């Protein structure tokens, strides 16, 4: 037996409320983006102040350097409900701390293998380079990440 509860708005429209149930089921990925303070965070700020179109479902966490991102941060984000994680830092050779982004690039290969071993699609994590002047690069990277994760569907390996 199916019971349909009508909201006041649905009752006025004569709708059954089934359309709102379908709307609730539409998947919008939750993306966490770890951004380098010196380049990518400024690029994200430039994208925002330039009113570039970006998906609203990305939450940015500013870090001093991508080289300081512990792999457990990414694993924790994925296990706590994130559908994807984007790491964005300075271009190789432009790191404020000289080698932080090189360290992240080396760590990232290990991180992808670790994520895959945990039963999570490695496409759910991504590393990109975007300078402070590349708001468009940051915006495209975020948009592409959201679309990739949307195609993958919800992260089934969350603790939620």
N, C-alpha and C. Protein backbone atom coordinates (compact mmCIF):
# COMPACT_ATOMS: atom_id res chain seq x y z
N UNK A 1 0.84 -1.18 0.00
CA UNK A 1 0.00 0.00 0.00
C UNK A 1 0.88 1.23 0.00
N UNK A 2 0.66 2.12 -0.93
CA UNK A 2 1.46 3.34 -1.02
C UNK A 2 0.64 4.52 -0.53
N UNK A 3 1.22 5.27 0.40
CA UNK A 3 0.56 6.45 0.93
C UNK A 3 1.29 7.66 0.39
N UNK A 4 0.57 8.57 -0.21
CA UNK A 4 1.16 9.78 -0.76
C UNK A 4 0.77 10.95 0.11
N UNK A 5 1.78 11.66 0.60
CA UNK A 5 1.53 12.84 1.43
C UNK A 5 1.63 14.06 0.54
N UNK A 6 0.61 14.88 0.57
CA UNK A 6 0.60 16.09 -0.25
C UNK A 6 1.01 17.28 0.58
N UNK A 7 1.95 18.05 0.06
CA UNK A 7 2.27 19.32 0.70
C UNK A 7 1.23 20.32 0.26
N UNK A 8 1.21 21.47 0.92
CA UNK A 8 0.24 22.51 0.56
C UNK A 8 0.42 22.92 -0.89
N UNK A 9 1.68 23.08 -1.32
CA UNK A 9 1.96 23.49 -2.70
C UNK A 9 1.53 22.41 -3.68
N UNK A 10 1.80 21.16 -3.35
CA UNK A 10 1.43 20.06 -4.24
C UNK A 10 -0.08 19.93 -4.31
N UNK A 11 -0.75 20.16 -3.18
CA UNK A 11 -2.21 20.08 -3.16
C UNK A 11 -2.83 21.16 -4.05
N UNK A 12 -2.26 22.37 -3.97
CA UNK A 12 -2.76 23.47 -4.80
C UNK A 12 -2.56 23.18 -6.28
N UNK A 13 -1.43 22.54 -6.61
CA UNK A 13 -1.14 22.21 -8.01
C UNK A 13 -1.92 20.99 -8.49
N UNK A 14 -2.45 20.24 -7.55
CA UNK A 14 -3.11 19.00 -7.91
C UNK A 14 -2.12 17.88 -8.15
N UNK A 15 -0.85 18.12 -7.82
CA UNK A 15 0.20 17.11 -8.03
C UNK A 15 0.13 16.07 -6.93
N UNK A 16 0.72 14.94 -7.17
CA UNK A 16 0.69 13.85 -6.19
C UNK A 16 1.92 13.82 -5.31
N UNK A 17 2.89 14.63 -5.58
CA UNK A 17 4.11 14.61 -4.79
C UNK A 17 5.14 13.65 -5.33
N UNK A 18 4.79 12.84 -6.32
CA UNK A 18 5.74 11.88 -6.88
C UNK A 18 6.85 12.59 -7.64
N UNK A 19 6.55 13.72 -8.24
CA UNK A 19 7.58 14.47 -8.97
C UNK A 19 8.63 14.98 -8.00
N UNK A 20 8.21 15.41 -6.80
CA UNK A 20 9.18 15.90 -5.84
C UNK A 20 10.06 14.77 -5.32
N UNK A 21 9.51 13.54 -5.25
CA UNK A 21 10.33 12.39 -4.84
C UNK A 21 11.41 12.12 -5.88
N UNK A 22 11.05 12.21 -7.14
CA UNK A 22 12.03 11.99 -8.21
C UNK A 22 13.09 13.07 -8.17
N UNK A 23 12.70 14.28 -7.87
CA UNK A 23 13.65 15.38 -7.82
C UNK A 23 14.66 15.16 -6.69
N UNK A 24 14.17 14.63 -5.55
CA UNK A 24 15.05 14.37 -4.42
C UNK A 24 16.09 13.30 -4.77
N UNK A 25 15.73 12.37 -5.65
CA UNK A 25 16.63 11.29 -6.01
C UNK A 25 17.71 11.72 -7.00
N UNK A 26 17.58 12.90 -7.60
CA UNK A 26 18.58 13.38 -8.54
C UNK A 26 19.92 13.53 -7.83
N UNK A 27 20.95 12.94 -8.39
CA UNK A 27 22.26 12.93 -7.74
C UNK A 27 23.06 14.19 -8.04
N UNK A 28 23.45 14.88 -7.00
CA UNK A 28 24.37 16.01 -7.11
C UNK A 28 25.61 15.66 -6.30
N UNK A 29 26.74 15.46 -6.95
CA UNK A 29 27.94 15.04 -6.22
C UNK A 29 28.44 16.10 -5.24
N UNK A 30 28.99 15.61 -4.15
CA UNK A 30 29.64 16.49 -3.16
C UNK A 30 31.14 16.37 -3.38
N UNK A 31 31.76 17.48 -3.74
CA UNK A 31 33.18 17.49 -4.06
C UNK A 31 33.91 18.36 -3.03
N UNK A 32 35.02 17.84 -2.54
CA UNK A 32 35.91 18.61 -1.67
C UNK A 32 37.13 18.95 -2.50
N UNK A 33 37.53 20.22 -2.47
CA UNK A 33 38.72 20.64 -3.21
C UNK A 33 39.74 21.21 -2.23
N UNK A 34 40.90 20.57 -2.16
CA UNK A 34 42.01 21.08 -1.37
C UNK A 34 42.83 21.99 -2.28
N UNK A 35 42.93 23.27 -1.94
CA UNK A 35 43.60 24.24 -2.80
C UNK A 35 44.80 24.87 -2.11
N UNK A 36 45.89 24.95 -2.85
CA UNK A 36 47.10 25.63 -2.40
C UNK A 36 46.78 27.11 -2.17
N UNK A 37 47.19 27.64 -1.05
CA UNK A 37 46.96 29.04 -0.70
C UNK A 37 47.55 30.01 -1.72
N UNK A 38 48.70 29.67 -2.27
CA UNK A 38 49.46 30.63 -3.07
C UNK A 38 49.05 30.68 -4.53
N UNK A 39 48.49 29.61 -5.04
CA UNK A 39 48.13 29.60 -6.47
C UNK A 39 46.66 29.25 -6.69
N UNK A 40 46.30 28.03 -6.44
CA UNK A 40 44.95 27.57 -6.80
C UNK A 40 43.85 28.26 -6.03
N UNK A 41 44.08 28.56 -4.75
CA UNK A 41 43.04 29.25 -3.99
C UNK A 41 42.82 30.65 -4.57
N UNK A 42 43.92 31.29 -4.95
CA UNK A 42 43.80 32.61 -5.60
C UNK A 42 43.14 32.47 -6.97
N UNK A 43 43.43 31.38 -7.68
CA UNK A 43 42.77 31.11 -8.96
C UNK A 43 41.27 30.89 -8.78
N UNK A 44 40.91 30.19 -7.70
CA UNK A 44 39.49 29.97 -7.40
C UNK A 44 38.81 31.30 -7.07
N UNK A 45 39.52 32.15 -6.34
CA UNK A 45 39.00 33.48 -6.01
C UNK A 45 38.82 34.31 -7.28
N UNK A 46 39.80 34.24 -8.17
CA UNK A 46 39.70 34.95 -9.44
C UNK A 46 38.50 34.46 -10.25
N UNK A 47 38.30 33.16 -10.27
CA UNK A 47 37.15 32.59 -11.00
C UNK A 47 35.84 33.14 -10.42
N UNK A 48 35.79 33.22 -9.10
CA UNK A 48 34.58 33.72 -8.45
C UNK A 48 34.35 35.20 -8.70
N UNK A 49 35.40 36.00 -8.53
CA UNK A 49 35.24 37.45 -8.73
C UNK A 49 35.03 37.80 -10.20
N UNK A 50 35.47 36.93 -11.09
CA UNK A 50 35.24 37.14 -12.53
C UNK A 50 33.89 36.58 -12.97
N UNK A 51 33.15 36.04 -12.01
CA UNK A 51 31.82 35.47 -12.26
C UNK A 51 31.82 34.35 -13.30
N UNK A 52 32.88 33.54 -13.24
CA UNK A 52 32.93 32.37 -14.11
C UNK A 52 31.96 31.32 -13.58
N UNK A 53 31.34 30.60 -14.48
CA UNK A 53 30.37 29.59 -14.08
C UNK A 53 31.09 28.37 -13.50
N UNK A 54 30.70 28.02 -12.27
CA UNK A 54 31.23 26.83 -11.61
C UNK A 54 30.09 26.15 -10.86
N UNK A 55 30.13 24.85 -10.74
CA UNK A 55 29.10 24.15 -9.97
C UNK A 55 29.15 24.58 -8.50
N UNK A 56 28.00 24.73 -7.87
CA UNK A 56 27.97 25.18 -6.48
C UNK A 56 28.24 24.07 -5.45
N UNK A 57 28.40 22.84 -5.91
CA UNK A 57 28.53 21.73 -4.97
C UNK A 57 29.98 21.34 -4.69
N UNK A 58 30.88 22.30 -4.80
CA UNK A 58 32.29 22.08 -4.49
C UNK A 58 32.63 22.91 -3.26
N UNK A 59 33.22 22.28 -2.27
CA UNK A 59 33.64 22.98 -1.06
C UNK A 59 35.16 23.05 -1.07
N UNK A 60 35.68 24.25 -0.93
CA UNK A 60 37.12 24.46 -1.00
C UNK A 60 37.72 24.52 0.40
N UNK A 61 38.81 23.79 0.57
CA UNK A 61 39.59 23.84 1.80
C UNK A 61 40.96 24.39 1.42
N UNK A 62 41.31 25.53 2.00
CA UNK A 62 42.60 26.15 1.69
C UNK A 62 43.68 25.51 2.55
N UNK A 63 44.76 25.10 1.90
CA UNK A 63 45.93 24.54 2.59
C UNK A 63 47.15 25.37 2.19
N UNK A 64 48.16 25.40 3.03
CA UNK A 64 49.35 26.18 2.70
C UNK A 64 50.02 25.69 1.43
N UNK A 65 50.04 24.38 1.25
CA UNK A 65 50.73 23.80 0.10
C UNK A 65 50.17 22.40 -0.12
N UNK A 66 50.05 21.99 -1.38
CA UNK A 66 49.56 20.63 -1.64
C UNK A 66 50.51 19.58 -1.08
N UNK A 67 51.78 19.95 -0.94
CA UNK A 67 52.76 19.03 -0.36
C UNK A 67 52.49 18.72 1.11
N UNK A 68 51.64 19.53 1.75
CA UNK A 68 51.30 19.33 3.16
C UNK A 68 50.01 18.53 3.35
N UNK A 69 49.39 18.12 2.24
CA UNK A 69 48.15 17.35 2.35
C UNK A 69 48.48 15.90 2.67
N UNK A 70 48.06 15.48 3.83
CA UNK A 70 48.27 14.09 4.23
C UNK A 70 47.27 13.22 3.47
N UNK A 71 47.69 12.08 2.96
CA UNK A 71 46.75 11.19 2.26
C UNK A 71 45.51 10.83 3.09
N UNK A 72 45.65 10.85 4.41
CA UNK A 72 44.48 10.54 5.25
C UNK A 72 43.38 11.59 5.10
N UNK A 73 43.74 12.83 4.72
CA UNK A 73 42.72 13.87 4.50
C UNK A 73 41.79 13.45 3.37
N UNK A 74 42.37 12.90 2.30
CA UNK A 74 41.58 12.51 1.14
C UNK A 74 40.73 11.29 1.48
N UNK A 75 41.33 10.32 2.15
CA UNK A 75 40.60 9.11 2.55
C UNK A 75 39.47 9.46 3.53
N UNK A 76 39.75 10.38 4.46
CA UNK A 76 38.72 10.81 5.41
C UNK A 76 37.58 11.51 4.69
N UNK A 77 37.91 12.38 3.74
CA UNK A 77 36.86 13.09 2.99
C UNK A 77 35.96 12.09 2.27
N UNK A 78 36.55 11.10 1.63
CA UNK A 78 35.77 10.10 0.90
C UNK A 78 34.95 9.22 1.84
N UNK A 79 35.49 8.91 3.00
CA UNK A 79 34.75 8.05 3.94
C UNK A 79 33.69 8.83 4.71
N UNK A 80 33.81 10.15 4.76
CA UNK A 80 32.85 10.97 5.49
C UNK A 80 31.74 11.55 4.62
N UNK A 81 31.65 11.12 3.36
CA UNK A 81 30.52 11.54 2.55
C UNK A 81 30.84 12.28 1.27
N UNK A 82 32.10 12.61 1.02
CA UNK A 82 32.44 13.27 -0.25
C UNK A 82 32.35 12.25 -1.38
N UNK A 83 31.85 12.70 -2.51
CA UNK A 83 31.78 11.83 -3.68
C UNK A 83 33.04 11.93 -4.53
N UNK A 84 33.82 12.97 -4.32
CA UNK A 84 35.06 13.16 -5.05
C UNK A 84 35.94 14.19 -4.36
N UNK A 85 37.24 14.12 -4.64
CA UNK A 85 38.21 15.06 -4.06
C UNK A 85 39.09 15.59 -5.17
N UNK A 86 39.18 16.90 -5.24
CA UNK A 86 40.04 17.58 -6.21
C UNK A 86 41.17 18.25 -5.45
N UNK A 87 42.40 17.95 -5.83
CA UNK A 87 43.57 18.59 -5.24
C UNK A 87 44.11 19.54 -6.29
N UNK A 88 44.25 20.80 -5.93
CA UNK A 88 44.67 21.80 -6.90
C UNK A 88 45.83 22.61 -6.34
N UNK A 89 46.93 22.66 -7.08
CA UNK A 89 48.11 23.35 -6.58
C UNK A 89 48.86 24.11 -7.66
N UNK A 90 50.00 24.65 -7.26
CA UNK A 90 50.87 25.41 -8.16
C UNK A 90 51.42 24.50 -9.26
N UNK A 91 51.73 25.09 -10.38
CA UNK A 91 52.39 24.33 -11.44
C UNK A 91 53.76 23.86 -10.96
N UNK A 92 54.19 22.67 -11.40
CA UNK A 92 55.54 22.21 -11.03
C UNK A 92 56.58 23.27 -11.41
N UNK A 93 57.46 23.55 -10.47
CA UNK A 93 58.47 24.58 -10.68
C UNK A 93 58.06 25.94 -10.14
N UNK A 94 56.78 26.12 -9.81
CA UNK A 94 56.29 27.40 -9.30
C UNK A 94 55.87 27.36 -7.84
N UNK A 95 56.20 26.29 -7.13
CA UNK A 95 55.76 26.12 -5.75
C UNK A 95 56.40 27.18 -4.84
N UNK A 96 55.57 27.81 -4.03
CA UNK A 96 56.03 28.80 -3.06
C UNK A 96 57.03 28.17 -2.09
N UNK A 97 56.86 26.88 -1.83
CA UNK A 97 57.75 26.15 -0.92
C UNK A 97 58.73 25.27 -1.69
N UNK A 98 58.97 25.57 -2.92
CA UNK A 98 59.95 24.95 -3.81
C UNK A 98 59.54 23.58 -4.34
N UNK A 99 59.30 22.60 -3.46
CA UNK A 99 59.06 21.23 -3.94
C UNK A 99 57.75 20.62 -3.45
N UNK A 100 56.88 21.40 -2.85
CA UNK A 100 55.63 20.85 -2.30
C UNK A 100 54.78 20.16 -3.35
N UNK A 101 54.63 20.79 -4.50
CA UNK A 101 53.79 20.20 -5.55
C UNK A 101 54.44 18.95 -6.16
N UNK A 102 55.76 18.92 -6.17
CA UNK A 102 56.47 17.72 -6.65
C UNK A 102 56.21 16.56 -5.69
N UNK A 103 56.23 16.86 -4.39
CA UNK A 103 55.93 15.83 -3.39
C UNK A 103 54.50 15.32 -3.56
N UNK A 104 53.57 16.24 -3.82
CA UNK A 104 52.17 15.82 -4.01
C UNK A 104 52.03 14.96 -5.25
N UNK A 105 52.71 15.33 -6.32
CA UNK A 105 52.62 14.54 -7.55
C UNK A 105 53.10 13.11 -7.30
N UNK A 106 54.18 12.95 -6.54
CA UNK A 106 54.69 11.62 -6.22
C UNK A 106 53.71 10.86 -5.32
N UNK A 107 53.14 11.57 -4.35
CA UNK A 107 52.19 10.97 -3.42
C UNK A 107 50.88 10.57 -4.10
N UNK A 108 50.52 11.33 -5.13
CA UNK A 108 49.22 11.13 -5.78
C UNK A 108 49.10 9.75 -6.43
N UNK A 109 50.16 9.26 -7.03
CA UNK A 109 50.13 7.92 -7.64
C UNK A 109 49.85 6.87 -6.57
N UNK A 110 50.50 7.01 -5.42
CA UNK A 110 50.27 6.10 -4.31
C UNK A 110 48.84 6.25 -3.80
N UNK A 111 48.36 7.46 -3.75
CA UNK A 111 47.02 7.74 -3.27
C UNK A 111 45.95 7.10 -4.15
N UNK A 112 46.13 7.18 -5.45
CA UNK A 112 45.17 6.55 -6.38
C UNK A 112 45.13 5.04 -6.16
N UNK A 113 46.29 4.43 -5.98
CA UNK A 113 46.35 2.98 -5.74
C UNK A 113 45.67 2.63 -4.42
N UNK A 114 45.89 3.45 -3.41
CA UNK A 114 45.29 3.23 -2.10
C UNK A 114 43.77 3.34 -2.15
N UNK A 115 43.28 4.34 -2.86
CA UNK A 115 41.84 4.54 -3.02
C UNK A 115 41.21 3.35 -3.76
N UNK A 116 41.88 2.91 -4.81
CA UNK A 116 41.38 1.77 -5.58
C UNK A 116 41.35 0.50 -4.72
N UNK A 117 42.39 0.33 -3.91
CA UNK A 117 42.45 -0.83 -3.03
C UNK A 117 41.32 -0.81 -2.00
N UNK A 118 40.88 0.40 -1.64
CA UNK A 118 39.77 0.55 -0.69
C UNK A 118 38.41 0.33 -1.35
N UNK A 119 38.42 0.05 -2.66
CA UNK A 119 37.16 -0.21 -3.36
C UNK A 119 36.48 1.04 -3.90
N UNK A 120 37.24 2.11 -4.01
CA UNK A 120 36.71 3.38 -4.53
C UNK A 120 37.33 3.63 -5.90
N UNK A 121 36.51 4.09 -6.83
CA UNK A 121 37.02 4.37 -8.18
C UNK A 121 38.10 5.46 -8.10
N UNK A 122 39.28 5.21 -8.69
CA UNK A 122 40.36 6.20 -8.62
C UNK A 122 40.01 7.51 -9.33
N UNK A 123 39.00 7.49 -10.21
CA UNK A 123 38.58 8.72 -10.89
C UNK A 123 37.92 9.71 -9.93
N UNK A 124 37.63 9.26 -8.72
CA UNK A 124 37.02 10.15 -7.72
C UNK A 124 38.01 11.12 -7.12
N UNK A 125 39.30 10.91 -7.38
CA UNK A 125 40.30 11.88 -6.92
C UNK A 125 41.06 12.39 -8.14
N UNK A 126 41.41 13.65 -8.08
CA UNK A 126 42.09 14.27 -9.22
C UNK A 126 43.08 15.31 -8.71
N UNK A 127 44.19 15.42 -9.43
CA UNK A 127 45.21 16.42 -9.16
C UNK A 127 45.29 17.35 -10.35
N UNK A 128 45.22 18.65 -10.10
CA UNK A 128 45.33 19.62 -11.19
C UNK A 128 46.24 20.77 -10.76
N UNK A 129 46.83 21.41 -11.74
CA UNK A 129 47.67 22.58 -11.50
C UNK A 129 46.94 23.81 -12.02
N UNK A 130 46.88 24.85 -11.20
CA UNK A 130 46.25 26.11 -11.62
C UNK A 130 46.93 27.25 -10.87
N UNK A 131 47.46 28.20 -11.61
CA UNK A 131 48.13 29.34 -10.98
C UNK A 131 47.10 30.37 -10.52
N UNK A 132 47.57 31.39 -9.82
CA UNK A 132 46.70 32.45 -9.32
C UNK A 132 46.02 33.20 -10.46
N UNK A 133 46.64 33.23 -11.62
CA UNK A 133 46.08 33.95 -12.77
C UNK A 133 45.20 33.06 -13.65
N UNK A 134 45.03 31.80 -13.27
CA UNK A 134 44.28 30.85 -14.10
C UNK A 134 42.93 30.48 -13.49
N UNK A 135 42.11 31.48 -13.26
CA UNK A 135 40.77 31.22 -12.76
C UNK A 135 39.97 30.35 -13.70
N UNK A 136 40.17 30.55 -15.00
CA UNK A 136 39.45 29.75 -16.00
C UNK A 136 39.87 28.29 -15.94
N UNK A 137 41.15 28.04 -15.71
CA UNK A 137 41.65 26.66 -15.60
C UNK A 137 41.03 26.00 -14.36
N UNK A 138 40.99 26.74 -13.25
CA UNK A 138 40.40 26.20 -12.03
C UNK A 138 38.92 25.89 -12.26
N UNK A 139 38.19 26.83 -12.84
CA UNK A 139 36.75 26.65 -13.08
C UNK A 139 36.48 25.45 -13.98
N UNK A 140 37.27 25.30 -15.04
CA UNK A 140 37.09 24.15 -15.95
C UNK A 140 37.39 22.84 -15.23
N UNK A 141 38.45 22.85 -14.40
CA UNK A 141 38.81 21.64 -13.65
C UNK A 141 37.72 21.21 -12.69
N UNK A 142 37.13 22.19 -12.00
CA UNK A 142 36.05 21.90 -11.06
C UNK A 142 34.83 21.36 -11.82
N UNK A 143 34.47 22.01 -12.90
CA UNK A 143 33.32 21.59 -13.70
C UNK A 143 33.52 20.18 -14.24
N UNK A 144 34.71 19.90 -14.74
CA UNK A 144 35.02 18.58 -15.27
C UNK A 144 34.97 17.52 -14.17
N UNK A 145 35.47 17.88 -12.99
CA UNK A 145 35.46 16.94 -11.87
C UNK A 145 34.03 16.60 -11.47
N UNK A 146 33.18 17.60 -11.38
CA UNK A 146 31.78 17.37 -11.01
C UNK A 146 31.10 16.47 -12.04
N UNK A 147 31.34 16.73 -13.32
CA UNK A 147 30.73 15.91 -14.38
C UNK A 147 31.23 14.47 -14.33
N UNK A 148 32.52 14.29 -14.09
CA UNK A 148 33.08 12.93 -13.99
C UNK A 148 32.44 12.17 -12.84
N UNK A 149 32.35 12.81 -11.68
CA UNK A 149 31.79 12.14 -10.51
C UNK A 149 30.28 11.93 -10.68
N UNK A 150 29.61 12.84 -11.33
CA UNK A 150 28.17 12.67 -11.59
C UNK A 150 27.94 11.39 -12.40
N UNK A 151 28.81 11.14 -13.39
CA UNK A 151 28.69 9.93 -14.21
C UNK A 151 28.97 8.67 -13.39
N UNK A 152 29.89 8.78 -12.42
CA UNK A 152 30.22 7.63 -11.58
C UNK A 152 29.08 7.30 -10.61
N UNK A 153 28.33 8.30 -10.22
CA UNK A 153 27.26 8.12 -9.25
C UNK A 153 27.77 8.33 -7.83
N UNK A 154 26.91 8.13 -6.85
CA UNK A 154 27.31 8.36 -5.45
C UNK A 154 28.44 7.44 -5.01
N UNK A 155 29.26 7.96 -4.11
CA UNK A 155 30.33 7.18 -3.51
C UNK A 155 29.68 6.19 -2.53
N UNK A 156 29.77 4.93 -2.83
CA UNK A 156 29.11 3.90 -2.01
C UNK A 156 29.95 3.49 -0.81
N UNK A 157 31.17 3.99 -0.73
CA UNK A 157 32.08 3.57 0.34
C UNK A 157 32.14 4.58 1.48
N UNK A 158 31.09 5.39 1.63
CA UNK A 158 31.10 6.36 2.71
C UNK A 158 30.61 5.71 3.99
N UNK A 159 30.95 6.33 5.09
CA UNK A 159 30.50 5.85 6.39
C UNK A 159 29.12 6.39 6.75
N UNK A 160 28.50 7.11 5.82
CA UNK A 160 27.20 7.73 6.12
C UNK A 160 26.05 6.89 5.65
